[in-house]
Amino acid sequence: TTDTFPKVATATVKLGKAKVTINGMAKGAGMIAPDM
């Protein structure tokens, strides 16, 4: 919405002996004081 850039993050990690991936995205720039 009022964001000025897209927000993404990623990580790759081993679970057991296999590789797994975590991807995330977020939006937010105002009305921000999260609670849970």
PDB file of all heavy atoms in Angstrom:
ATOM      1  N   THR A   1       0.873  -1.186   0.000  1.00  0.00           N
ATOM      2  CA  THR A   1       0.000   0.000   0.000  1.00  0.00           C
ATOM      3  C   THR A   1       0.910   1.237   0.000  1.00  0.00           C
ATOM      4  O   THR A   1       1.336   1.686  -1.053  1.00  0.00           O
ATOM      5  CB  THR A   1      -0.970  -0.004   1.196  1.00  0.00           C
ATOM      6  OG1 THR A   1      -0.247  -0.244   2.412  1.00  0.00           O
ATOM      7  CG2 THR A   1      -2.028  -1.085   1.027  1.00  0.00           C
ATOM      8  N   THR A   2       1.243   1.759   1.186  1.00  0.00           N
ATOM      9  CA  THR A   2       2.172   2.895   1.216  1.00  0.00           C
ATOM     10  C   THR A   2       3.621   2.441   1.289  1.00  0.00           C
ATOM     11  O   THR A   2       4.522   3.273   1.433  1.00  0.00           O
ATOM     12  CB  THR A   2       1.865   3.834   2.411  1.00  0.00           C
ATOM     13  OG1 THR A   2       1.959   3.092   3.633  1.00  0.00           O
ATOM     14  CG2 THR A   2       0.490   4.447   2.277  1.00  0.00           C
ATOM     15  N   ASP A   3       3.850   1.153   1.189  1.00  0.00           N
ATOM     16  CA  ASP A   3       5.219   0.634   1.145  1.00  0.00           C
ATOM     17  C   ASP A   3       5.952   1.242  -0.051  1.00  0.00           C
ATOM     18  O   ASP A   3       5.364   1.483  -1.101  1.00  0.00           O
ATOM     19  CB  ASP A   3       5.210  -0.885   0.967  1.00  0.00           C
ATOM     20  CG  ASP A   3       4.387  -1.609   2.006  1.00  0.00           C
ATOM     21  OD1 ASP A   3       3.163  -1.396   2.061  1.00  0.00           O
ATOM     22  OD2 ASP A   3       4.979  -2.392   2.750  1.00  0.00           O
ATOM     23  N   THR A   4       7.267   1.429   0.118  1.00  0.00           N
ATOM     24  CA  THR A   4       8.055   1.956  -0.994  1.00  0.00           C
ATOM     25  C   THR A   4       8.908   0.887  -1.659  1.00  0.00           C
ATOM     26  O   THR A   4       9.514   1.143  -2.694  1.00  0.00           O
ATOM     27  CB  THR A   4       8.971   3.110  -0.542  1.00  0.00           C
ATOM     28  OG1 THR A   4      10.008   2.594   0.312  1.00  0.00           O
ATOM     29  CG2 THR A   4       8.169   4.185   0.195  1.00  0.00           C
ATOM     30  N   PHE A   5       8.983  -0.286  -1.053  1.00  0.00           N
ATOM     31  CA  PHE A   5       9.707  -1.392  -1.669  1.00  0.00           C
ATOM     32  C   PHE A   5       9.121  -2.718  -1.200  1.00  0.00           C
ATOM     33  O   PHE A   5       8.582  -2.810  -0.090  1.00  0.00           O
ATOM     34  CB  PHE A   5      11.211  -1.332  -1.355  1.00  0.00           C
ATOM     35  CG  PHE A   5      11.561  -1.430   0.111  1.00  0.00           C
ATOM     36  CD1 PHE A   5      11.744  -2.664   0.728  1.00  0.00           C
ATOM     37  CD2 PHE A   5      11.732  -0.280   0.876  1.00  0.00           C
ATOM     38  CE1 PHE A   5      12.076  -2.754   2.072  1.00  0.00           C
ATOM     39  CE2 PHE A   5      12.056  -0.350   2.223  1.00  0.00           C
ATOM     40  CZ  PHE A   5      12.232  -1.600   2.821  1.00  0.00           C
ATOM     41  N   PRO A   6       9.189  -3.748  -2.057  1.00  0.00           N
ATOM     42  CA  PRO A   6       8.691  -5.063  -1.661  1.00  0.00           C
ATOM     43  C   PRO A   6       9.616  -5.690  -0.631  1.00  0.00           C
ATOM     44  O   PRO A   6      10.841  -5.522  -0.701  1.00  0.00           O
ATOM     45  CB  PRO A   6       8.688  -5.857  -2.970  1.00  0.00           C
ATOM     46  CG  PRO A   6       9.722  -5.191  -3.810  1.00  0.00           C
ATOM     47  CD  PRO A   6       9.694  -3.730  -3.443  1.00  0.00           C
ATOM     48  N   LYS A   7       9.033  -6.416   0.310  1.00  0.00           N
ATOM     49  CA  LYS A   7       9.806  -6.982   1.419  1.00  0.00           C
ATOM     50  C   LYS A   7       9.795  -8.502   1.331  1.00  0.00           C
ATOM     51  O   LYS A   7       8.739  -9.126   1.468  1.00  0.00           O
ATOM     52  CB  LYS A   7       9.216  -6.499   2.742  1.00  0.00           C
ATOM     53  CG  LYS A   7       9.224  -4.982   2.860  1.00  0.00           C
ATOM     54  CD  LYS A   7       8.328  -4.492   3.988  1.00  0.00           C
ATOM     55  CE  LYS A   7       8.329  -2.970   4.039  1.00  0.00           C
ATOM     56  NZ  LYS A   7       7.736  -2.382   2.813  1.00  0.00           N
ATOM     57  N   VAL A   8      10.952  -9.079   1.104  1.00  0.00           N
ATOM     58  CA  VAL A   8      11.070 -10.533   0.983  1.00  0.00           C
ATOM     59  C   VAL A   8      12.298 -11.003   1.755  1.00  0.00           C
ATOM     60  O   VAL A   8      13.237 -10.244   1.993  1.00  0.00           O
ATOM     61  CB  VAL A   8      11.195 -10.976  -0.492  1.00  0.00           C
ATOM     62  CG1 VAL A   8       9.921 -10.690  -1.264  1.00  0.00           C
ATOM     63  CG2 VAL A   8      12.396 -10.327  -1.164  1.00  0.00           C
ATOM     64  N   ALA A   9      12.270 -12.269   2.150  1.00  0.00           N
ATOM     65  CA  ALA A   9      13.407 -12.889   2.828  1.00  0.00           C
ATOM     66  C   ALA A   9      13.353 -14.381   2.573  1.00  0.00           C
ATOM     67  O   ALA A   9      12.272 -14.949   2.354  1.00  0.00           O
ATOM     68  CB  ALA A   9      13.368 -12.598   4.327  1.00  0.00           C
ATOM     69  N   THR A  10      14.510 -15.014   2.608  1.00  0.00           N
ATOM     70  CA  THR A  10      14.558 -16.451   2.356  1.00  0.00           C
ATOM     71  C   THR A  10      15.683 -17.083   3.150  1.00  0.00           C
ATOM     72  O   THR A  10      16.659 -16.409   3.522  1.00  0.00           O
ATOM     73  CB  THR A  10      14.742 -16.747   0.850  1.00  0.00           C
ATOM     74  OG1 THR A  10      14.637 -18.160   0.635  1.00  0.00           O
ATOM     75  CG2 THR A  10      16.078 -16.248   0.347  1.00  0.00           C
ATOM     76  N   ALA A  11      15.557 -18.370   3.412  1.00  0.00           N
ATOM     77  CA  ALA A  11      16.599 -19.125   4.107  1.00  0.00           C
ATOM     78  C   ALA A  11      16.521 -20.578   3.665  1.00  0.00           C
ATOM     79  O   ALA A  11      15.433 -21.094   3.378  1.00  0.00           O
ATOM     80  CB  ALA A  11      16.432 -19.027   5.617  1.00  0.00           C
ATOM     81  N   THR A  12      17.673 -21.216   3.608  1.00  0.00           N
ATOM     82  CA  THR A  12      17.754 -22.641   3.308  1.00  0.00           C
ATOM     83  C   THR A  12      18.480 -23.324   4.456  1.00  0.00           C
ATOM     84  O   THR A  12      19.509 -22.815   4.937  1.00  0.00           O
ATOM     85  CB  THR A  12      18.508 -22.889   1.994  1.00  0.00           C
ATOM     86  OG1 THR A  12      17.834 -22.209   0.928  1.00  0.00           O
ATOM     87  CG2 THR A  12      18.562 -24.368   1.668  1.00  0.00           C
ATOM     88  N   VAL A  13      17.957 -24.441   4.915  1.00  0.00           N
ATOM     89  CA  VAL A  13      18.511 -25.091   6.097  1.00  0.00           C
ATOM     90  C   VAL A  13      18.280 -26.587   5.990  1.00  0.00           C
ATOM     91  O   VAL A  13      17.400 -27.042   5.250  1.00  0.00           O
ATOM     92  CB  VAL A  13      17.848 -24.504   7.372  1.00  0.00           C
ATOM     93  CG1 VAL A  13      16.366 -24.861   7.442  1.00  0.00           C
ATOM     94  CG2 VAL A  13      18.560 -24.924   8.642  1.00  0.00           C
ATOM     95  N   LYS A  14      19.054 -27.355   6.740  1.00  0.00           N
ATOM     96  CA  LYS A  14      18.881 -28.794   6.761  1.00  0.00           C
ATOM     97  C   LYS A  14      17.827 -29.181   7.809  1.00  0.00           C
ATOM     98  O   LYS A  14      17.834 -28.675   8.929  1.00  0.00           O
ATOM     99  CB  LYS A  14      20.199 -29.490   7.092  1.00  0.00           C
ATOM    100  CG  LYS A  14      21.220 -29.502   5.974  1.00  0.00           C
ATOM    101  CD  LYS A  14      20.803 -30.489   4.897  1.00  0.00           C
ATOM    102  CE  LYS A  14      21.911 -30.684   3.846  1.00  0.00           C
ATOM    103  NZ  LYS A  14      23.064 -31.414   4.395  1.00  0.00           N
ATOM    104  N   LEU A  15      16.948 -30.078   7.413  1.00  0.00           N
ATOM    105  CA  LEU A  15      16.009 -30.693   8.341  1.00  0.00           C
ATOM    106  C   LEU A  15      16.267 -32.183   8.224  1.00  0.00           C
ATOM    107  O   LEU A  15      15.977 -32.786   7.184  1.00  0.00           O
ATOM    108  CB  LEU A  15      14.564 -30.353   7.978  1.00  0.00           C
ATOM    109  CG  LEU A  15      13.493 -30.902   8.932  1.00  0.00           C
ATOM    110  CD1 LEU A  15      13.696 -30.362  10.347  1.00  0.00           C
ATOM    111  CD2 LEU A  15      12.083 -30.538   8.445  1.00  0.00           C
ATOM    112  N   GLY A  16      16.848 -32.770   9.281  1.00  0.00           N
ATOM    113  CA  GLY A  16      17.384 -34.102   9.121  1.00  0.00           C
ATOM    114  C   GLY A  16      18.563 -34.001   8.170  1.00  0.00           C
ATOM    115  O   GLY A  16      19.452 -33.170   8.345  1.00  0.00           O
ATOM    116  N   LYS A  17      18.575 -34.805   7.119  1.00  0.00           N
ATOM    117  CA  LYS A  17      19.637 -34.742   6.126  1.00  0.00           C
ATOM    118  C   LYS A  17      19.187 -34.075   4.825  1.00  0.00           C
ATOM    119  O   LYS A  17      19.939 -34.019   3.854  1.00  0.00           O
ATOM    120  CB  LYS A  17      20.141 -36.152   5.834  1.00  0.00           C
ATOM    121  CG  LYS A  17      20.821 -36.812   7.027  1.00  0.00           C
ATOM    122  CD  LYS A  17      21.341 -38.189   6.664  1.00  0.00           C
ATOM    123  CE  LYS A  17      22.041 -38.832   7.859  1.00  0.00           C
ATOM    124  NZ  LYS A  17      22.574 -40.177   7.513  1.00  0.00           N
ATOM    125  N   ALA A  18      17.948 -33.567   4.834  1.00  0.00           N
ATOM    126  CA  ALA A  18      17.399 -32.960   3.618  1.00  0.00           C
ATOM    127  C   ALA A  18      17.415 -31.440   3.695  1.00  0.00           C
ATOM    128  O   ALA A  18      17.322 -30.852   4.771  1.00  0.00           O
ATOM    129  CB  ALA A  18      15.963 -33.447   3.397  1.00  0.00           C
ATOM    130  N   LYS A  19      17.538 -30.817   2.532  1.00  0.00           N
ATOM    131  CA  LYS A  19      17.491 -29.357   2.452  1.00  0.00           C
ATOM    132  C   LYS A  19      16.049 -28.894   2.358  1.00  0.00           C
ATOM    133  O   LYS A  19      15.264 -29.432   1.577  1.00  0.00           O
ATOM    134  CB  LYS A  19      18.268 -28.872   1.235  1.00  0.00           C
ATOM    135  CG  LYS A  19      18.346 -27.364   1.106  1.00  0.00           C
ATOM    136  CD  LYS A  19      19.151 -26.939  -0.104  1.00  0.00           C
ATOM    137  CE  LYS A  19      18.395 -27.186  -1.398  1.00  0.00           C
ATOM    138  NZ  LYS A  19      19.079 -26.612  -2.582  1.00  0.00           N
ATOM    139  N   VAL A  20      15.692 -27.901   3.170  1.00  0.00           N
ATOM    140  CA  VAL A  20      14.357 -27.303   3.092  1.00  0.00           C
ATOM    141  C   VAL A  20      14.516 -25.796   2.932  1.00  0.00           C
ATOM    142  O   VAL A  20      15.547 -25.216   3.276  1.00  0.00           O
ATOM    143  CB  VAL A  20      13.493 -27.622   4.336  1.00  0.00           C
ATOM    144  CG1 VAL A  20      13.236 -29.116   4.448  1.00  0.00           C
ATOM    145  CG2 VAL A  20      14.153 -27.098   5.607  1.00  0.00           C
ATOM    146  N   THR A  21      13.498 -25.170   2.397  1.00  0.00           N
ATOM    147  CA  THR A  21      13.525 -23.737   2.111  1.00  0.00           C
ATOM    148  C   THR A  21      12.407 -23.021   2.860  1.00  0.00           C
ATOM    149  O   THR A  21      11.318 -23.559   3.035  1.00  0.00           O
ATOM    150  CB  THR A  21      13.377 -23.483   0.605  1.00  0.00           C
ATOM    151  OG1 THR A  21      14.411 -24.185  -0.085  1.00  0.00           O
ATOM    152  CG2 THR A  21      13.466 -22.011   0.273  1.00  0.00           C
ATOM    153  N   ILE A  22      12.718 -21.810   3.280  1.00  0.00           N
ATOM    154  CA  ILE A  22      11.724 -20.935   3.916  1.00  0.00           C
ATOM    155  C   ILE A  22      11.709 -19.629   3.141  1.00  0.00           C
ATOM    156  O   ILE A  22      12.747 -18.976   3.010  1.00  0.00           O
ATOM    157  CB  ILE A  22      12.070 -20.639   5.388  1.00  0.00           C
ATOM    158  CG1 ILE A  22      12.288 -21.933   6.172  1.00  0.00           C
ATOM    159  CG2 ILE A  22      10.976 -19.795   6.032  1.00  0.00           C
ATOM    160  CD1 ILE A  22      12.962 -21.718   7.520  1.00  0.00           C
ATOM    161  N   ASN A  23      10.566 -19.246   2.612  1.00  0.00           N
ATOM    162  CA  ASN A  23      10.399 -17.955   1.941  1.00  0.00           C
ATOM    163  C   ASN A  23       9.376 -17.125   2.686  1.00  0.00           C
ATOM    164  O   ASN A  23       8.372 -17.666   3.180  1.00  0.00           O
ATOM    165  CB  ASN A  23       9.912 -18.130   0.501  1.00  0.00           C
ATOM    166  CG  ASN A  23      11.020 -18.519  -0.453  1.00  0.00           C
ATOM    167  OD1 ASN A  23      12.175 -18.650  -0.058  1.00  0.00           O
ATOM    168  ND2 ASN A  23      10.677 -18.702  -1.724  1.00  0.00           N
ATOM    169  N   GLY A  24       9.614 -15.819   2.746  1.00  0.00           N
ATOM    170  CA  GLY A  24       8.650 -14.947   3.403  1.00  0.00           C
ATOM    171  C   GLY A  24       8.499 -13.626   2.682  1.00  0.00           C
ATOM    172  O   GLY A  24       9.416 -13.175   1.984  1.00  0.00           O
ATOM    173  N   MET A  25       7.342 -13.015   2.835  1.00  0.00           N
ATOM    174  CA  MET A  25       7.091 -11.670   2.319  1.00  0.00           C
ATOM    175  C   MET A  25       6.267 -10.907   3.349  1.00  0.00           C
ATOM    176  O   MET A  25       5.586 -11.518   4.187  1.00  0.00           O
ATOM    177  CB  MET A  25       6.353 -11.720   0.979  1.00  0.00           C
ATOM    178  CG  MET A  25       4.932 -12.220   1.071  1.00  0.00           C
ATOM    179  SD  MET A  25       4.103 -12.326  -0.541  1.00  0.00           S
ATOM    180  CE  MET A  25       4.735 -13.898  -1.123  1.00  0.00           C
ATOM    181  N   ALA A  26       6.363  -9.600   3.315  1.00  0.00           N
ATOM    182  CA  ALA A  26       5.605  -8.782   4.253  1.00  0.00           C
ATOM    183  C   ALA A  26       5.261  -7.458   3.604  1.00  0.00           C
ATOM    184  O   ALA A  26       5.890  -7.035   2.633  1.00  0.00           O
ATOM    185  CB  ALA A  26       6.400  -8.545   5.534  1.00  0.00           C
ATOM    186  N   LYS A  27       4.245  -6.805   4.145  1.00  0.00           N
ATOM    187  CA  LYS A  27       3.947  -5.433   3.757  1.00  0.00           C
ATOM    188  C   LYS A  27       3.644  -4.652   5.027  1.00  0.00           C
ATOM    189  O   LYS A  27       3.156  -5.186   6.024  1.00  0.00           O
ATOM    190  CB  LYS A  27       2.778  -5.364   2.770  1.00  0.00           C
ATOM    191  CG  LYS A  27       1.425  -5.768   3.289  1.00  0.00           C
ATOM    192  CD  LYS A  27       0.660  -4.720   4.088  1.00  0.00           C
ATOM    193  CE  LYS A  27       0.586  -3.411   3.350  1.00  0.00           C
ATOM    194  NZ  LYS A  27      -0.061  -2.360   4.246  1.00  0.00           N
ATOM    195  N   GLY A  28       3.969  -3.386   4.992  1.00  0.00           N
ATOM    196  CA  GLY A  28       3.683  -2.532   6.131  1.00  0.00           C
ATOM    197  C   GLY A  28       4.617  -1.352   6.149  1.00  0.00           C
ATOM    198  O   GLY A  28       5.818  -1.496   5.911  1.00  0.00           O
ATOM    199  N   ALA A  29       4.067  -0.168   6.405  1.00  0.00           N
ATOM    200  CA  ALA A  29       4.873   1.043   6.490  1.00  0.00           C
ATOM    201  C   ALA A  29       4.275   2.039   7.475  1.00  0.00           C
ATOM    202  O   ALA A  29       4.971   2.894   8.013  1.00  0.00           O
ATOM    203  CB  ALA A  29       5.012   1.700   5.114  1.00  0.00           C
ATOM    204  N   GLY A  30       2.967   1.934   7.714  1.00  0.00           N
ATOM    205  CA  GLY A  30       2.286   2.797   8.672  1.00  0.00           C
ATOM    206  C   GLY A  30       1.213   2.012   9.398  1.00  0.00           C
ATOM    207  O   GLY A  30       0.869   0.897   9.017  1.00  0.00           O
ATOM    208  N   MET A  31       0.673   2.578  10.466  1.00  0.00           N
ATOM    209  CA  MET A  31      -0.226   1.888  11.380  1.00  0.00           C
ATOM    210  C   MET A  31       0.461   0.609  11.858  1.00  0.00           C
ATOM    211  O   MET A  31      -0.057  -0.487  11.765  1.00  0.00           O
ATOM    212  CB  MET A  31      -1.587   1.561  10.754  1.00  0.00           C
ATOM    213  CG  MET A  31      -2.685   1.283  11.791  1.00  0.00           C
ATOM    214  SD  MET A  31      -4.281   0.811  11.078  1.00  0.00           S
ATOM    215  CE  MET A  31      -4.788   2.370  10.364  1.00  0.00           C
ATOM    216  N   ILE A  32       1.676   0.804  12.394  1.00  0.00           N
ATOM    217  CA  ILE A  32       2.519  -0.318  12.748  1.00  0.00           C
ATOM    218  C   ILE A  32       2.870  -0.290  14.238  1.00  0.00           C
ATOM    219  O   ILE A  32       3.661   0.537  14.696  1.00  0.00           O
ATOM    220  CB  ILE A  32       3.841  -0.311  11.950  1.00  0.00           C
ATOM    221  CG1 ILE A  32       3.574  -0.251  10.449  1.00  0.00           C
ATOM    222  CG2 ILE A  32       4.674  -1.530  12.322  1.00  0.00           C
ATOM    223  CD1 ILE A  32       2.815  -1.412   9.894  1.00  0.00           C
ATOM    224  N   ALA A  33       2.263  -1.169  14.982  1.00  0.00           N
ATOM    225  CA  ALA A  33       2.640  -1.485  16.361  1.00  0.00           C
ATOM    226  C   ALA A  33       2.070  -2.862  16.625  1.00  0.00           C
ATOM    227  O   ALA A  33       1.059  -3.020  17.302  1.00  0.00           O
ATOM    228  CB  ALA A  33       2.084  -0.460  17.348  1.00  0.00           C
ATOM    229  N   PRO A  34       2.679  -3.884  16.027  1.00  0.00           N
ATOM    230  CA  PRO A  34       2.099  -5.232  16.046  1.00  0.00           C
ATOM    231  C   PRO A  34       1.844  -5.759  17.450  1.00  0.00           C
ATOM    232  O   PRO A  34       2.516  -5.386  18.403  1.00  0.00           O
ATOM    233  CB  PRO A  34       3.160  -6.068  15.339  1.00  0.00           C
ATOM    234  CG  PRO A  34       3.887  -5.099  14.489  1.00  0.00           C
ATOM    235  CD  PRO A  34       3.934  -3.835  15.275  1.00  0.00           C
ATOM    236  N   ASP A  35       0.892  -6.641  17.541  1.00  0.00           N
ATOM    237  CA  ASP A  35       0.543  -7.273  18.814  1.00  0.00           C
ATOM    238  C   ASP A  35       0.169  -8.716  18.507  1.00  0.00           C
ATOM    239  O   ASP A  35      -0.965  -9.019  18.172  1.00  0.00           O
ATOM    240  CB  ASP A  35      -0.626  -6.540  19.469  1.00  0.00           C
ATOM    241  CG  ASP A  35      -0.778  -6.886  20.941  1.00  0.00           C
ATOM    242  OD1 ASP A  35      -0.038  -7.778  21.398  1.00  0.00           O
ATOM    243  OD2 ASP A  35      -1.611  -6.290  21.613  1.00  0.00           O
ATOM    244  N   MET A  36       1.116  -9.601  18.555  1.00  0.00           N
ATOM    245  CA  MET A  36       1.004 -11.018  18.224  1.00  0.00           C
ATOM    246  C   MET A  36       1.053 -11.283  16.723  1.00  0.00           C
ATOM    247  O   MET A  36       0.821 -12.394  16.267  1.00  0.00           O
ATOM    248  CB  MET A  36      -0.252 -11.665  18.820  1.00  0.00           C
ATOM    249  CG  MET A  36      -0.151 -11.863  20.320  1.00  0.00           C
ATOM    250  SD  MET A  36       1.349 -12.712  20.833  1.00  0.00           S
ATOM    251  CE  MET A  36       1.147 -14.310  20.074  1.00  0.00           C
TER     252      MET A  36
END
